[in-house]
Amino acid sequence: MVLSQTVLIYMVASLVFPEFQGEKAIDLKESFFAHRRCFFALGFSTVALSVAKNVVLDGRLPNSKDLAFHAVFAVALCSGALLSSERYHKALVIFVLVAFILYTLLLYARIR
């Protein structure tokens, strides 16, 4: 189960950049929007697997703060898959980055 999450993250990372073969020019924006549904679906699967991993390994759901952040990330990933607005995706990057930093800081504070 733990390795499954790593495999999904690797698959998400593989969708970021297209295959660079030949002399043909590559449009990264076009490539992103062509693969965005798969990208965000794999990202959502990673979040869902993270929660499932806690249930399997610990026998319970993550604590409420952790679960709330998982829900925020899941909703953000679903919205990225459903909405194709370039402007929305630019805002989504900033939102998810800030949320991830906040999540990490709160998690570190909890560990101390």
PDB file of N, CA and C in Angstrom:
ATOM      1  N   MET A   1       0.837  -1.197   0.000  1.00  0.00           N
ATOM      2  CA  MET A   1       0.000   0.000   0.000  1.00  0.00           C
ATOM      3  C   MET A   1       0.876   1.253   0.000  1.00  0.00           C
ATOM      4  N   VAL A   2       1.931   1.241   0.801  1.00  0.00           N
ATOM      5  CA  VAL A   2       2.812   2.409   0.876  1.00  0.00           C
ATOM      6  C   VAL A   2       3.480   2.650  -0.463  1.00  0.00           C
ATOM      7  N   LEU A   3       3.926   1.591  -1.120  1.00  0.00           N
ATOM      8  CA  LEU A   3       4.560   1.744  -2.430  1.00  0.00           C
ATOM      9  C   LEU A   3       3.568   2.191  -3.496  1.00  0.00           C
ATOM     10  N   SER A   4       2.315   1.844  -3.343  1.00  0.00           N
ATOM     11  CA  SER A   4       1.296   2.265  -4.315  1.00  0.00           C
ATOM     12  C   SER A   4       1.200   3.783  -4.381  1.00  0.00           C
ATOM     13  N   GLN A   5       1.297   4.426  -3.246  1.00  0.00           N
ATOM     14  CA  GLN A   5       1.241   5.887  -3.213  1.00  0.00           C
ATOM     15  C   GLN A   5       2.452   6.482  -3.939  1.00  0.00           C
ATOM     16  N   THR A   6       3.614   5.899  -3.741  1.00  0.00           N
ATOM     17  CA  THR A   6       4.822   6.362  -4.418  1.00  0.00           C
ATOM     18  C   THR A   6       4.706   6.172  -5.932  1.00  0.00           C
ATOM     19  N   VAL A   7       4.154   5.061  -6.344  1.00  0.00           N
ATOM     20  CA  VAL A   7       3.962   4.800  -7.775  1.00  0.00           C
ATOM     21  C   VAL A   7       3.015   5.835  -8.379  1.00  0.00           C
ATOM     22  N   LEU A   8       1.938   6.154  -7.683  1.00  0.00           N
ATOM     23  CA  LEU A   8       0.997   7.163  -8.191  1.00  0.00           C
ATOM     24  C   LEU A   8       1.668   8.540  -8.300  1.00  0.00           C
ATOM     25  N   ILE A   9       2.468   8.894  -7.322  1.00  0.00           N
ATOM     26  CA  ILE A   9       3.176  10.184  -7.377  1.00  0.00           C
ATOM     27  C   ILE A   9       4.131  10.200  -8.558  1.00  0.00           C
ATOM     28  N   TYR A  10       4.812   9.095  -8.813  1.00  0.00           N
ATOM     29  CA  TYR A  10       5.711   8.994  -9.968  1.00  0.00           C
ATOM     30  C   TYR A  10       4.920   9.151 -11.260  1.00  0.00           C
ATOM     31  N   MET A  11       3.756   8.528 -11.346  1.00  0.00           N
ATOM     32  CA  MET A  11       2.929   8.631 -12.551  1.00  0.00           C
ATOM     33  C   MET A  11       2.455  10.067 -12.763  1.00  0.00           C
ATOM     34  N   VAL A  12       2.092  10.767 -11.686  1.00  0.00           N
ATOM     35  CA  VAL A  12       1.703  12.177 -11.788  1.00  0.00           C
ATOM     36  C   VAL A  12       2.871  12.986 -12.329  1.00  0.00           C
ATOM     37  N   ALA A  13       4.058  12.744 -11.785  1.00  0.00           N
ATOM     38  CA  ALA A  13       5.245  13.480 -12.229  1.00  0.00           C
ATOM     39  C   ALA A  13       5.558  13.211 -13.692  1.00  0.00           C
ATOM     40  N   SER A  14       5.289  12.016 -14.160  1.00  0.00           N
ATOM     41  CA  SER A  14       5.581  11.691 -15.560  1.00  0.00           C
ATOM     42  C   SER A  14       4.673  12.445 -16.530  1.00  0.00           C
ATOM     43  N   LEU A  15       3.534  12.912 -16.051  1.00  0.00           N
ATOM     44  CA  LEU A  15       2.620  13.659 -16.927  1.00  0.00           C
ATOM     45  C   LEU A  15       2.965  15.138 -17.030  1.00  0.00           C
ATOM     46  N   VAL A  16       3.861  15.619 -16.184  1.00  0.00           N
ATOM     47  CA  VAL A  16       4.190  17.045 -16.191  1.00  0.00           C
ATOM     48  C   VAL A  16       4.848  17.451 -17.505  1.00  0.00           C
ATOM     49  N   PHE A  17       5.786  16.653 -17.976  1.00  0.00           N
ATOM     50  CA  PHE A  17       6.481  16.974 -19.221  1.00  0.00           C
ATOM     51  C   PHE A  17       6.184  15.922 -20.275  1.00  0.00           C
ATOM     52  N   PRO A  18       5.970  16.355 -21.516  1.00  0.00           N
ATOM     53  CA  PRO A  18       5.694  15.399 -22.590  1.00  0.00           C
ATOM     54  C   PRO A  18       6.979  14.710 -23.048  1.00  0.00           C
ATOM     55  N   GLU A  19       6.823  13.743 -23.924  1.00  0.00           N
ATOM     56  CA  GLU A  19       7.981  13.075 -24.526  1.00  0.00           C
ATOM     57  C   GLU A  19       8.704  14.071 -25.431  1.00  0.00           C
ATOM     58  N   PHE A  20      10.004  14.196 -25.249  1.00  0.00           N
ATOM     59  CA  PHE A  20      10.808  15.091 -26.075  1.00  0.00           C
ATOM     60  C   PHE A  20      11.560  14.255 -27.102  1.00  0.00           C
ATOM     61  N   GLN A  21      10.892  13.970 -28.214  1.00  0.00           N
ATOM     62  CA  GLN A  21      11.512  13.183 -29.273  1.00  0.00           C
ATOM     63  C   GLN A  21      11.414  13.947 -30.580  1.00  0.00           C
ATOM     64  N   GLY A  22      12.457  13.881 -31.357  1.00  0.00           N
ATOM     65  CA  GLY A  22      12.460  14.529 -32.662  1.00  0.00           C
ATOM     66  C   GLY A  22      12.725  16.020 -32.554  1.00  0.00           C
ATOM     67  N   GLU A  23      12.576  16.688 -33.672  1.00  0.00           N
ATOM     68  CA  GLU A  23      12.857  18.122 -33.769  1.00  0.00           C
ATOM     69  C   GLU A  23      11.594  18.975 -33.625  1.00  0.00           C
ATOM     70  N   LYS A  24      10.453  18.350 -33.505  1.00  0.00           N
ATOM     71  CA  LYS A  24       9.183  19.065 -33.448  1.00  0.00           C
ATOM     72  C   LYS A  24       9.099  19.919 -32.168  1.00  0.00           C
ATOM     73  N   ALA A  25       8.611  21.149 -32.322  1.00  0.00           N
ATOM     74  CA  ALA A  25       8.425  22.032 -31.166  1.00  0.00           C
ATOM     75  C   ALA A  25       7.310  21.491 -30.277  1.00  0.00           C
ATOM     76  N   ILE A  26       7.501  21.628 -28.976  1.00  0.00           N
ATOM     77  CA  ILE A  26       6.529  21.103 -28.019  1.00  0.00           C
ATOM     78  C   ILE A  26       5.909  22.263 -27.253  1.00  0.00           C
ATOM     79  N   ASP A  27       4.595  22.290 -27.210  1.00  0.00           N
ATOM     80  CA  ASP A  27       3.860  23.307 -26.475  1.00  0.00           C
ATOM     81  C   ASP A  27       3.477  22.717 -25.118  1.00  0.00           C
ATOM     82  N   LEU A  28       4.159  23.182 -24.060  1.00  0.00           N
ATOM     83  CA  LEU A  28       3.909  22.622 -22.732  1.00  0.00           C
ATOM     84  C   LEU A  28       2.498  22.899 -22.235  1.00  0.00           C
ATOM     85  N   LYS A  29       1.963  24.085 -22.560  1.00  0.00           N
ATOM     86  CA  LYS A  29       0.600  24.413 -22.140  1.00  0.00           C
ATOM     87  C   LYS A  29      -0.404  23.473 -22.805  1.00  0.00           C
ATOM     88  N   GLU A  30      -0.224  23.252 -24.084  1.00  0.00           N
ATOM     89  CA  GLU A  30      -1.118  22.347 -24.810  1.00  0.00           C
ATOM     90  C   GLU A  30      -1.013  20.929 -24.241  1.00  0.00           C
ATOM     91  N   SER A  31       0.191  20.507 -23.941  1.00  0.00           N
ATOM     92  CA  SER A  31       0.402  19.177 -23.375  1.00  0.00           C
ATOM     93  C   SER A  31      -0.277  19.057 -22.007  1.00  0.00           C
ATOM     94  N   PHE A  32      -0.132  20.092 -21.165  1.00  0.00           N
ATOM     95  CA  PHE A  32      -0.763  20.065 -19.842  1.00  0.00           C
ATOM     96  C   PHE A  32      -2.277  19.925 -19.964  1.00  0.00           C
ATOM     97  N   PHE A  33      -2.891  20.772 -20.798  1.00  0.00           N
ATOM     98  CA  PHE A  33      -4.344  20.737 -20.897  1.00  0.00           C
ATOM     99  C   PHE A  33      -4.844  19.464 -21.579  1.00  0.00           C
ATOM    100  N   ALA A  34      -4.000  18.848 -22.409  1.00  0.00           N
ATOM    101  CA  ALA A  34      -4.380  17.579 -23.028  1.00  0.00           C
ATOM    102  C   ALA A  34      -4.378  16.435 -22.008  1.00  0.00           C
ATOM    103  N   HIS A  35      -3.526  16.554 -20.980  1.00  0.00           N
ATOM    104  CA  HIS A  35      -3.396  15.494 -19.986  1.00  0.00           C
ATOM    105  C   HIS A  35      -3.956  15.875 -18.616  1.00  0.00           C
ATOM    106  N   ARG A  36      -4.596  17.020 -18.496  1.00  0.00           N
ATOM    107  CA  ARG A  36      -4.985  17.514 -17.175  1.00  0.00           C
ATOM    108  C   ARG A  36      -5.947  16.589 -16.445  1.00  0.00           C
ATOM    109  N   ARG A  37      -6.886  16.001 -17.126  1.00  0.00           N
ATOM    110  CA  ARG A  37      -7.839  15.115 -16.426  1.00  0.00           C
ATOM    111  C   ARG A  37      -7.122  13.915 -15.807  1.00  0.00           C
ATOM    112  N   CYS A  38      -6.225  13.323 -16.567  1.00  0.00           N
ATOM    113  CA  CYS A  38      -5.466  12.182 -16.054  1.00  0.00           C
ATOM    114  C   CYS A  38      -4.542  12.633 -14.916  1.00  0.00           C
ATOM    115  N   PHE A  39      -3.894  13.780 -15.077  1.00  0.00           N
ATOM    116  CA  PHE A  39      -3.001  14.342 -14.070  1.00  0.00           C
ATOM    117  C   PHE A  39      -3.735  14.534 -12.742  1.00  0.00           C
ATOM    118  N   PHE A  40      -4.888  15.189 -12.795  1.00  0.00           N
ATOM    119  CA  PHE A  40      -5.633  15.474 -11.564  1.00  0.00           C
ATOM    120  C   PHE A  40      -6.320  14.220 -11.011  1.00  0.00           C
ATOM    121  N   ALA A  41      -6.719  13.296 -11.876  1.00  0.00           N
ATOM    122  CA  ALA A  41      -7.306  12.040 -11.399  1.00  0.00           C
ATOM    123  C   ALA A  41      -6.264  11.219 -10.641  1.00  0.00           C
ATOM    124  N   LEU A  42      -5.042  11.169 -11.158  1.00  0.00           N
ATOM    125  CA  LEU A  42      -3.974  10.466 -10.443  1.00  0.00           C
ATOM    126  C   LEU A  42      -3.640  11.171  -9.132  1.00  0.00           C
ATOM    127  N   GLY A  43      -3.644  12.495  -9.149  1.00  0.00           N
ATOM    128  CA  GLY A  43      -3.409  13.258  -7.925  1.00  0.00           C
ATOM    129  C   GLY A  43      -4.484  12.978  -6.889  1.00  0.00           C
ATOM    130  N   PHE A  44      -5.738  12.952  -7.323  1.00  0.00           N
ATOM    131  CA  PHE A  44      -6.845  12.625  -6.420  1.00  0.00           C
ATOM    132  C   PHE A  44      -6.675  11.211  -5.861  1.00  0.00           C
ATOM    133  N   SER A  45      -6.287  10.282  -6.719  1.00  0.00           N
ATOM    134  CA  SER A  45      -6.074   8.899  -6.279  1.00  0.00           C
ATOM    135  C   SER A  45      -4.984   8.824  -5.220  1.00  0.00           C
ATOM    136  N   THR A  46      -3.959   9.661  -5.366  1.00  0.00           N
ATOM    137  CA  THR A  46      -2.883   9.704  -4.381  1.00  0.00           C
ATOM    138  C   THR A  46      -3.400  10.162  -3.025  1.00  0.00           C
ATOM    139  N   VAL A  47      -4.245  11.183  -3.029  1.00  0.00           N
ATOM    140  CA  VAL A  47      -4.825  11.680  -1.772  1.00  0.00           C
ATOM    141  C   VAL A  47      -5.734  10.614  -1.143  1.00  0.00           C
ATOM    142  N   ALA A  48      -6.565   9.991  -1.964  1.00  0.00           N
ATOM    143  CA  ALA A  48      -7.463   8.952  -1.457  1.00  0.00           C
ATOM    144  C   ALA A  48      -6.667   7.771  -0.898  1.00  0.00           C
ATOM    145  N   LEU A  49      -5.599   7.405  -1.584  1.00  0.00           N
ATOM    146  CA  LEU A  49      -4.760   6.302  -1.116  1.00  0.00           C
ATOM    147  C   LEU A  49      -4.037   6.667   0.177  1.00  0.00           C
ATOM    148  N   SER A  50      -3.707   7.923   0.342  1.00  0.00           N
ATOM    149  CA  SER A  50      -3.069   8.382   1.576  1.00  0.00           C
ATOM    150  C   SER A  50      -3.991   8.172   2.779  1.00  0.00           C
ATOM    151  N   VAL A  51      -5.261   8.499   2.597  1.00  0.00           N
ATOM    152  CA  VAL A  51      -6.239   8.290   3.680  1.00  0.00           C
ATOM    153  C   VAL A  51      -6.426   6.792   3.914  1.00  0.00           C
ATOM    154  N   ALA A  52      -6.547   6.031   2.834  1.00  0.00           N
ATOM    155  CA  ALA A  52      -6.734   4.579   2.961  1.00  0.00           C
ATOM    156  C   ALA A  52      -5.528   3.930   3.637  1.00  0.00           C
ATOM    157  N   LYS A  53      -4.342   4.433   3.341  1.00  0.00           N
ATOM    158  CA  LYS A  53      -3.121   3.903   3.957  1.00  0.00           C
ATOM    159  C   LYS A  53      -3.166   4.076   5.477  1.00  0.00           C
ATOM    160  N   ASN A  54      -3.644   5.239   5.928  1.00  0.00           N
ATOM    161  CA  ASN A  54      -3.785   5.461   7.372  1.00  0.00           C
ATOM    162  C   ASN A  54      -4.747   4.466   7.996  1.00  0.00           C
ATOM    163  N   VAL A  55      -5.845   4.224   7.321  1.00  0.00           N
ATOM    164  CA  VAL A  55      -6.849   3.286   7.840  1.00  0.00           C
ATOM    165  C   VAL A  55      -6.260   1.878   7.926  1.00  0.00           C
ATOM    166  N   VAL A  56      -5.532   1.473   6.889  1.00  0.00           N
ATOM    167  CA  VAL A  56      -4.966   0.121   6.877  1.00  0.00           C
ATOM    168  C   VAL A  56      -3.847  -0.029   7.904  1.00  0.00           C
ATOM    169  N   LEU A  57      -2.940   0.954   7.955  1.00  0.00           N
ATOM    170  CA  LEU A  57      -1.779   0.834   8.848  1.00  0.00           C
ATOM    171  C   LEU A  57      -2.098   1.144  10.307  1.00  0.00           C
ATOM    172  N   ASP A  58      -2.962   2.150  10.538  1.00  0.00           N
ATOM    173  CA  ASP A  58      -3.266   2.575  11.905  1.00  0.00           C
ATOM    174  C   ASP A  58      -4.621   2.096  12.408  1.00  0.00           C
ATOM    175  N   GLY A  59      -5.456   1.603  11.510  1.00  0.00           N
ATOM    176  CA  GLY A  59      -6.771   1.130  11.909  1.00  0.00           C
ATOM    177  C   GLY A  59      -7.777   2.249  12.147  1.00  0.00           C
ATOM    178  N   ARG A  60      -7.445   3.464  11.739  1.00  0.00           N
ATOM    179  CA  ARG A  60      -8.372   4.604  11.927  1.00  0.00           C
ATOM    180  C   ARG A  60      -8.060   5.690  10.889  1.00  0.00           C
ATOM    181  N   LEU A  61      -9.009   6.609  10.751  1.00  0.00           N
ATOM    182  CA  LEU A  61      -8.802   7.753   9.862  1.00  0.00           C
ATOM    183  C   LEU A  61      -7.756   8.691  10.458  1.00  0.00           C
ATOM    184  N   PRO A  62      -7.130   9.517   9.623  1.00  0.00           N
ATOM    185  CA  PRO A  62      -6.197  10.516  10.166  1.00  0.00           C
ATOM    186  C   PRO A  62      -6.930  11.465  11.111  1.00  0.00           C
ATOM    187  N   ASN A  63      -6.175  12.231  11.919  1.00  0.00           N
ATOM    188  CA  ASN A  63      -6.826  13.180  12.831  1.00  0.00           C
ATOM    189  C   ASN A  63      -7.591  14.229  12.011  1.00  0.00           C
ATOM    190  N   SER A  64      -8.407  15.003  12.663  1.00  0.00           N
ATOM    191  CA  SER A  64      -9.329  15.906  11.959  1.00  0.00           C
ATOM    192  C   SER A  64      -8.613  16.960  11.111  1.00  0.00           C
ATOM    193  N   LYS A  65      -7.503  17.530  11.610  1.00  0.00           N
ATOM    194  CA  LYS A  65      -6.766  18.519  10.809  1.00  0.00           C
ATOM    195  C   LYS A  65      -6.192  17.879   9.554  1.00  0.00           C
ATOM    196  N   ASP A  66      -5.591  16.731   9.713  1.00  0.00           N
ATOM    197  CA  ASP A  66      -4.992  16.020   8.584  1.00  0.00           C
ATOM    198  C   ASP A  66      -6.071  15.646   7.564  1.00  0.00           C
ATOM    199  N   LEU A  67      -7.179  15.129   8.059  1.00  0.00           N
ATOM    200  CA  LEU A  67      -8.276  14.740   7.173  1.00  0.00           C
ATOM    201  C   LEU A  67      -8.872  15.958   6.458  1.00  0.00           C
ATOM    202  N   ALA A  68      -8.952  17.093   7.157  1.00  0.00           N
ATOM    203  CA  ALA A  68      -9.464  18.311   6.536  1.00  0.00           C
ATOM    204  C   ALA A  68      -8.561  18.756   5.384  1.00  0.00           C
ATOM    205  N   PHE A  69      -7.254  18.694   5.586  1.00  0.00           N
ATOM    206  CA  PHE A  69      -6.342  19.062   4.502  1.00  0.00           C
ATOM    207  C   PHE A  69      -6.429  18.073   3.343  1.00  0.00           C
ATOM    208  N   HIS A  70      -6.587  16.802   3.645  1.00  0.00           N
ATOM    209  CA  HIS A  70      -6.783  15.823   2.575  1.00  0.00           C
ATOM    210  C   HIS A  70      -8.038  16.171   1.769  1.00  0.00           C
ATOM    211  N   ALA A  71      -9.084  16.568   2.461  1.00  0.00           N
ATOM    212  CA  ALA A  71     -10.330  16.947   1.774  1.00  0.00           C
ATOM    213  C   ALA A  71     -10.116  18.194   0.904  1.00  0.00           C
ATOM    214  N   VAL A  72      -9.384  19.166   1.422  1.00  0.00           N
ATOM    215  CA  VAL A  72      -9.092  20.386   0.641  1.00  0.00           C
ATOM    216  C   VAL A  72      -8.329  20.016  -0.622  1.00  0.00           C
ATOM    217  N   PHE A  73      -7.307  19.186  -0.483  1.00  0.00           N
ATOM    218  CA  PHE A  73      -6.528  18.780  -1.649  1.00  0.00           C
ATOM    219  C   PHE A  73      -7.387  17.974  -2.628  1.00  0.00           C
ATOM    220  N   ALA A  74      -8.245  17.104  -2.124  1.00  0.00           N
ATOM    221  CA  ALA A  74      -9.108  16.303  -2.987  1.00  0.00           C
ATOM    222  C   ALA A  74     -10.055  17.190  -3.793  1.00  0.00           C
ATOM    223  N   VAL A  75     -10.658  18.167  -3.137  1.00  0.00           N
ATOM    224  CA  VAL A  75     -11.571  19.089  -3.833  1.00  0.00           C
ATOM    225  C   VAL A  75     -10.801  19.913  -4.869  1.00  0.00           C
ATOM    226  N   ALA A  76      -9.616  20.379  -4.495  1.00  0.00           N
ATOM    227  CA  ALA A  76      -8.800  21.157  -5.436  1.00  0.00           C
ATOM    228  C   ALA A  76      -8.439  20.323  -6.660  1.00  0.00           C
ATOM    229  N   LEU A  77      -8.073  19.073  -6.443  1.00  0.00           N
ATOM    230  CA  LEU A  77      -7.710  18.201  -7.563  1.00  0.00           C
ATOM    231  C   LEU A  77      -8.918  17.886  -8.442  1.00  0.00           C
ATOM    232  N   CYS A  78     -10.063  17.654  -7.832  1.00  0.00           N
ATOM    233  CA  CYS A  78     -11.282  17.411  -8.621  1.00  0.00           C
ATOM    234  C   CYS A  78     -11.643  18.638  -9.453  1.00  0.00           C
ATOM    235  N   SER A  79     -11.523  19.806  -8.850  1.00  0.00           N
ATOM    236  CA  SER A  79     -11.859  21.023  -9.590  1.00  0.00           C
ATOM    237  C   SER A  79     -10.888  21.237 -10.742  1.00  0.00           C
ATOM    238  N   GLY A  80      -9.629  20.888 -10.552  1.00  0.00           N
ATOM    239  CA  GLY A  80      -8.652  21.005 -11.636  1.00  0.00           C
ATOM    240  C   GLY A  80      -8.969  20.086 -12.798  1.00  0.00           C
ATOM    241  N   ALA A  81      -9.512  18.920 -12.494  1.00  0.00           N
ATOM    242  CA  ALA A  81      -9.889  17.980 -13.547  1.00  0.00           C
ATOM    243  C   ALA A  81     -11.132  18.452 -14.295  1.00  0.00           C
ATOM    244  N   LEU A  82     -12.045  19.096 -13.583  1.00  0.00           N
ATOM    245  CA  LEU A  82     -13.322  19.483 -14.192  1.00  0.00           C
ATOM    246  C   LEU A  82     -13.273  20.819 -14.928  1.00  0.00           C
ATOM    247  N   LEU A  83     -12.459  21.749 -14.450  1.00  0.00           N
ATOM    248  CA  LEU A  83     -12.431  23.087 -15.033  1.00  0.00           C
ATOM    249  C   LEU A  83     -11.213  23.254 -15.927  1.00  0.00           C
ATOM    250  N   SER A  84     -11.416  23.835 -17.104  1.00  0.00           N
ATOM    251  CA  SER A  84     -10.315  23.957 -18.060  1.00  0.00           C
ATOM    252  C   SER A  84      -9.822  25.390 -18.246  1.00  0.00           C
ATOM    253  N   SER A  85     -10.272  26.296 -17.410  1.00  0.00           N
ATOM    254  CA  SER A  85      -9.857  27.695 -17.520  1.00  0.00           C
ATOM    255  C   SER A  85      -8.379  27.854 -17.139  1.00  0.00           C
ATOM    256  N   GLU A  86      -7.616  28.461 -18.030  1.00  0.00           N
ATOM    257  CA  GLU A  86      -6.200  28.686 -17.751  1.00  0.00           C
ATOM    258  C   GLU A  86      -6.029  29.581 -16.529  1.00  0.00           C
ATOM    259  N   ARG A  87      -6.859  30.573 -16.430  1.00  0.00           N
ATOM    260  CA  ARG A  87      -6.801  31.489 -15.285  1.00  0.00           C
ATOM    261  C   ARG A  87      -7.065  30.751 -13.971  1.00  0.00           C
ATOM    262  N   TYR A  88      -8.050  29.854 -13.985  1.00  0.00           N
ATOM    263  CA  TYR A  88      -8.354  29.062 -12.798  1.00  0.00           C
ATOM    264  C   TYR A  88      -7.162  28.194 -12.404  1.00  0.00           C
ATOM    265  N   HIS A  89      -6.529  27.573 -13.376  1.00  0.00           N
ATOM    266  CA  HIS A  89      -5.396  26.701 -13.084  1.00  0.00           C
ATOM    267  C   HIS A  89      -4.207  27.474 -12.526  1.00  0.00           C
ATOM    268  N   LYS A  90      -4.019  28.691 -12.984  1.00  0.00           N
ATOM    269  CA  LYS A  90      -2.948  29.526 -12.425  1.00  0.00           C
ATOM    270  C   LYS A  90      -3.240  29.848 -10.958  1.00  0.00           C
ATOM    271  N   ALA A  91      -4.487  30.168 -10.658  1.00  0.00           N
ATOM    272  CA  ALA A  91      -4.878  30.442  -9.273  1.00  0.00           C
ATOM    273  C   ALA A  91      -4.795  29.170  -8.432  1.00  0.00           C
ATOM    274  N   LEU A  92      -5.138  28.043  -9.024  1.00  0.00           N
ATOM    275  CA  LEU A  92      -5.110  26.759  -8.315  1.00  0.00           C
ATOM    276  C   LEU A  92      -3.687  26.411  -7.872  1.00  0.00           C
ATOM    277  N   VAL A  93      -2.710  26.712  -8.714  1.00  0.00           N
ATOM    278  CA  VAL A  93      -1.312  26.456  -8.356  1.00  0.00           C
ATOM    279  C   VAL A  93      -0.943  27.220  -7.087  1.00  0.00           C
ATOM    280  N   ILE A  94      -1.302  28.485  -7.036  1.00  0.00           N
ATOM    281  CA  ILE A  94      -0.984  29.317  -5.870  1.00  0.00           C
ATOM    282  C   ILE A  94      -1.727  28.803  -4.637  1.00  0.00           C
ATOM    283  N   PHE A  95      -3.008  28.493  -4.795  1.00  0.00           N
ATOM    284  CA  PHE A  95      -3.802  27.994  -3.671  1.00  0.00           C
ATOM    285  C   PHE A  95      -3.223  26.704  -3.104  1.00  0.00           C
ATOM    286  N   VAL A  96      -2.916  25.750  -3.977  1.00  0.00           N
ATOM    287  CA  VAL A  96      -2.410  24.457  -3.518  1.00  0.00           C
ATOM    288  C   VAL A  96      -1.026  24.611  -2.892  1.00  0.00           C
ATOM    289  N   LEU A  97      -0.201  25.475  -3.445  1.00  0.00           N
ATOM    290  CA  LEU A  97       1.124  25.708  -2.866  1.00  0.00           C
ATOM    291  C   LEU A  97       1.009  26.267  -1.446  1.00  0.00           C
ATOM    292  N   VAL A  98       0.158  27.275  -1.272  1.00  0.00           N
ATOM    293  CA  VAL A  98      -0.047  27.862   0.058  1.00  0.00           C
ATOM    294  C   VAL A  98      -0.644  26.820   1.013  1.00  0.00           C
ATOM    295  N   ALA A  99      -1.615  26.060   0.538  1.00  0.00           N
ATOM    296  CA  ALA A  99      -2.239  25.027   1.377  1.00  0.00           C
ATOM    297  C   ALA A  99      -1.219  23.963   1.776  1.00  0.00           C
ATOM    298  N   PHE A 100      -0.356  23.579   0.850  1.00  0.00           N
ATOM    299  CA  PHE A 100       0.639  22.553   1.152  1.00  0.00           C
ATOM    300  C   PHE A 100       1.666  23.065   2.164  1.00  0.00           C
ATOM    301  N   ILE A 101       2.086  24.310   2.026  1.00  0.00           N
ATOM    302  CA  ILE A 101       3.013  24.899   2.997  1.00  0.00           C
ATOM    303  C   ILE A 101       2.358  24.955   4.373  1.00  0.00           C
ATOM    304  N   LEU A 102       1.117  25.403   4.431  1.00  0.00           N
ATOM    305  CA  LEU A 102       0.389  25.467   5.694  1.00  0.00           C
ATOM    306  C   LEU A 102       0.226  24.068   6.302  1.00  0.00           C
ATOM    307  N   TYR A 103      -0.122  23.109   5.479  1.00  0.00           N
ATOM    308  CA  TYR A 103      -0.272  21.717   5.917  1.00  0.00           C
ATOM    309  C   TYR A 103       1.040  21.204   6.514  1.00  0.00           C
ATOM    310  N   THR A 104       2.140  21.453   5.828  1.00  0.00           N
ATOM    311  CA  THR A 104       3.443  20.999   6.299  1.00  0.00           C
ATOM    312  C   THR A 104       3.822  21.665   7.615  1.00  0.00           C
ATOM    313  N   LEU A 105       3.588  22.970   7.714  1.00  0.00           N
ATOM    314  CA  LEU A 105       3.915  23.685   8.945  1.00  0.00           C
ATOM    315  C   LEU A 105       3.081  23.184  10.126  1.00  0.00           C
ATOM    316  N   LEU A 106       1.800  22.967   9.895  1.00  0.00           N
ATOM    317  CA  LEU A 106       0.938  22.463  10.972  1.00  0.00           C
ATOM    318  C   LEU A 106       1.300  21.032  11.354  1.00  0.00           C
ATOM    319  N   LEU A 107       1.673  20.234  10.377  1.00  0.00           N
ATOM    320  CA  LEU A 107       2.083  18.863  10.661  1.00  0.00           C
ATOM    321  C   LEU A 107       3.365  18.868  11.483  1.00  0.00           C
ATOM    322  N   TYR A 108       4.315  19.719  11.115  1.00  0.00           N
ATOM    323  CA  TYR A 108       5.579  19.809  11.859  1.00  0.00           C
ATOM    324  C   TYR A 108       5.313  20.301  13.284  1.00  0.00           C
ATOM    325  N   ALA A 109       4.432  21.243  13.427  1.00  0.00           N
ATOM    326  CA  ALA A 109       4.099  21.770  14.766  1.00  0.00           C
ATOM    327  C   ALA A 109       3.470  20.677  15.620  1.00  0.00           C
ATOM    328  N   ARG A 110       2.690  19.806  15.006  1.00  0.00           N
ATOM    329  CA  ARG A 110       2.035  18.717  15.736  1.00  0.00           C
ATOM    330  C   ARG A 110       3.050  17.673  16.181  1.00  0.00           C
ATOM    331  N   ILE A 111       4.075  17.430  15.368  1.00  0.00           N
ATOM    332  CA  ILE A 111       5.084  16.430  15.696  1.00  0.00           C
ATOM    333  C   ILE A 111       5.927  16.892  16.892  1.00  0.00           C
ATOM    334  N   ARG A 112       6.218  18.173  16.956  1.00  0.00           N
ATOM    335  CA  ARG A 112       7.023  18.701  18.061  1.00  0.00           C
ATOM    336  C   ARG A 112       6.273  18.480  19.323  1.00  0.00           C
TER     337      ARG A 112
END
